[in-house]
Amino acid sequence: MTRLWPKGEPIEAWAGEEMPAGFYWHQAPQRILDICNRWRIHTRWWEPEQAIWREYWKVVTDAGLLCLIYRDLQSGEWFLARVYD
């Protein structure tokens, strides 16, 4: 069953030069082995207080997770949005 967090679950990520190298989820390190897809969204830019500006990464981890993480480009914080079966 796919798990979805519509508002994102905060995670601590560590980054490589141009992409995330891994993140902690439930206090366990998840090293990223492969990036399946990457994209950016910038919505509601005409309303600065409600604007959403994110970079999404669909990744596979060393624990075998296929998941969707994103970085809020305004705050710099990382979130887990989805874990696929």
C-alpha atoms as a PDB file:
ATOM      1  CA  MET A   1       0.000   0.000   0.000  1.00  0.00           C
ATOM      2  CA  THR A   2       1.385   3.396  -0.964  1.00  0.00           C
ATOM      3  CA  ARG A   3       1.736   5.848   1.917  1.00  0.00           C
ATOM      4  CA  LEU A   4       1.113   9.509   1.190  1.00  0.00           C
ATOM      5  CA  TRP A   5       1.756  12.570   3.353  1.00  0.00           C
ATOM      6  CA  PRO A   6      -0.075  15.455   1.590  1.00  0.00           C
ATOM      7  CA  LYS A   7       1.743  18.115   3.632  1.00  0.00           C
ATOM      8  CA  GLY A   8       4.984  16.125   3.784  1.00  0.00           C
ATOM      9  CA  GLU A   9       6.687  14.437   6.707  1.00  0.00           C
ATOM     10  CA  PRO A  10       9.793  16.377   7.787  1.00  0.00           C
ATOM     11  CA  ILE A  11      13.061  14.519   7.220  1.00  0.00           C
ATOM     12  CA  GLU A  12      16.704  15.355   7.703  1.00  0.00           C
ATOM     13  CA  ALA A  13      18.522  15.064   4.387  1.00  0.00           C
ATOM     14  CA  TRP A  14      22.177  15.276   3.526  1.00  0.00           C
ATOM     15  CA  ALA A  15      23.135  16.483   0.120  1.00  0.00           C
ATOM     16  CA  GLY A  16      25.699  15.822  -2.513  1.00  0.00           C
ATOM     17  CA  GLU A  17      26.790  18.552  -4.886  1.00  0.00           C
ATOM     18  CA  GLU A  18      23.666  18.654  -7.055  1.00  0.00           C
ATOM     19  CA  MET A  19      21.352  16.072  -5.550  1.00  0.00           C
ATOM     20  CA  PRO A  20      20.439  14.607  -2.179  1.00  0.00           C
ATOM     21  CA  ALA A  21      22.722  11.768  -1.099  1.00  0.00           C
ATOM     22  CA  GLY A  22      20.401  10.416   1.577  1.00  0.00           C
ATOM     23  CA  PHE A  23      18.032  11.172   4.422  1.00  0.00           C
ATOM     24  CA  TYR A  24      16.964   9.939   7.842  1.00  0.00           C
ATOM     25  CA  TRP A  25      13.488   8.436   8.205  1.00  0.00           C
ATOM     26  CA  HIS A  26      12.370   6.977  11.539  1.00  0.00           C
ATOM     27  CA  GLN A  27      15.926   7.573  12.776  1.00  0.00           C
ATOM     28  CA  ALA A  28      17.332   5.210  10.138  1.00  0.00           C
ATOM     29  CA  PRO A  29      19.673   6.465   7.403  1.00  0.00           C
ATOM     30  CA  GLN A  30      18.410   5.942   3.852  1.00  0.00           C
ATOM     31  CA  ARG A  31      21.238   6.297   1.334  1.00  0.00           C
ATOM     32  CA  ILE A  32      19.966   7.189  -2.136  1.00  0.00           C
ATOM     33  CA  LEU A  33      21.102   4.704  -4.768  1.00  0.00           C
ATOM     34  CA  ASP A  34      19.176   5.943  -7.799  1.00  0.00           C
ATOM     35  CA  ILE A  35      17.148   8.955  -8.879  1.00  0.00           C
ATOM     36  CA  CYS A  36      14.190   7.981 -11.044  1.00  0.00           C
ATOM     37  CA  ASN A  37      12.842  11.452 -11.712  1.00  0.00           C
ATOM     38  CA  ARG A  38      13.298  15.082 -10.682  1.00  0.00           C
ATOM     39  CA  TRP A  39      11.141  18.168 -11.204  1.00  0.00           C
ATOM     40  CA  ARG A  40      10.308  21.591  -9.777  1.00  0.00           C
ATOM     41  CA  ILE A  41       6.992  23.276  -9.153  1.00  0.00           C
ATOM     42  CA  HIS A  42       6.255  26.921  -8.478  1.00  0.00           C
ATOM     43  CA  THR A  43       2.573  27.584  -7.907  1.00  0.00           C
ATOM     44  CA  ARG A  44       0.578  30.525  -6.590  1.00  0.00           C
ATOM     45  CA  TRP A  45       3.602  32.746  -7.299  1.00  0.00           C
ATOM     46  CA  TRP A  46       1.240  35.714  -7.579  1.00  0.00           C
ATOM     47  CA  GLU A  47       0.376  35.308  -3.840  1.00  0.00           C
ATOM     48  CA  PRO A  48       3.743  35.361  -2.023  1.00  0.00           C
ATOM     49  CA  GLU A  49       2.340  34.146   1.334  1.00  0.00           C
ATOM     50  CA  GLN A  50       0.739  31.086  -0.299  1.00  0.00           C
ATOM     51  CA  ALA A  51       3.326  30.369  -2.977  1.00  0.00           C
ATOM     52  CA  ILE A  52       4.661  26.831  -3.232  1.00  0.00           C
ATOM     53  CA  TRP A  53       8.148  26.418  -4.638  1.00  0.00           C
ATOM     54  CA  ARG A  54       9.522  22.874  -4.395  1.00  0.00           C
ATOM     55  CA  GLU A  55      11.986  20.502  -5.987  1.00  0.00           C
ATOM     56  CA  TYR A  56      10.805  16.881  -6.026  1.00  0.00           C
ATOM     57  CA  TRP A  57      12.971  13.757  -6.270  1.00  0.00           C
ATOM     58  CA  LYS A  58      11.655  10.230  -6.861  1.00  0.00           C
ATOM     59  CA  VAL A  59      14.405   8.022  -5.435  1.00  0.00           C
ATOM     60  CA  VAL A  60      15.374   4.454  -4.588  1.00  0.00           C
ATOM     61  CA  THR A  61      17.231   3.913  -1.308  1.00  0.00           C
ATOM     62  CA  ASP A  62      19.679   1.262  -0.153  1.00  0.00           C
ATOM     63  CA  ALA A  63      16.883  -0.203   2.014  1.00  0.00           C
ATOM     64  CA  GLY A  64      14.819  -0.811  -1.126  1.00  0.00           C
ATOM     65  CA  LEU A  65      12.388   2.078  -0.654  1.00  0.00           C
ATOM     66  CA  LEU A  66      10.932   3.817  -3.686  1.00  0.00           C
ATOM     67  CA  CYS A  67       9.875   7.194  -2.388  1.00  0.00           C
ATOM     68  CA  LEU A  68       9.155  10.781  -3.256  1.00  0.00           C
ATOM     69  CA  ILE A  69      11.004  13.470  -1.309  1.00  0.00           C
ATOM     70  CA  TYR A  70      11.037  17.206  -1.823  1.00  0.00           C
ATOM     71  CA  ARG A  71      12.880  20.292  -0.714  1.00  0.00           C
ATOM     72  CA  ASP A  72      10.956  23.465   0.001  1.00  0.00           C
ATOM     73  CA  LEU A  73      13.020  25.957  -1.990  1.00  0.00           C
ATOM     74  CA  GLN A  74      11.864  28.865   0.159  1.00  0.00           C
ATOM     75  CA  SER A  75      12.799  27.394   3.553  1.00  0.00           C
ATOM     76  CA  GLY A  76      15.385  24.791   2.496  1.00  0.00           C
ATOM     77  CA  GLU A  77      13.602  22.102   4.527  1.00  0.00           C
ATOM     78  CA  TRP A  78      13.229  18.513   3.285  1.00  0.00           C
ATOM     79  CA  PHE A  79      10.075  16.379   3.387  1.00  0.00           C
ATOM     80  CA  LEU A  80       8.988  12.849   2.578  1.00  0.00           C
ATOM     81  CA  ALA A  81       5.808  12.979   0.480  1.00  0.00           C
ATOM     82  CA  ARG A  82       5.236   9.350  -0.515  1.00  0.00           C
ATOM     83  CA  VAL A  83       6.547   5.806  -0.100  1.00  0.00           C
ATOM     84  CA  TYR A  84       5.563   3.419  -2.896  1.00  0.00           C
ATOM     85  CA  ASP A  85       4.968  -0.324  -2.620  1.00  0.00           C
END
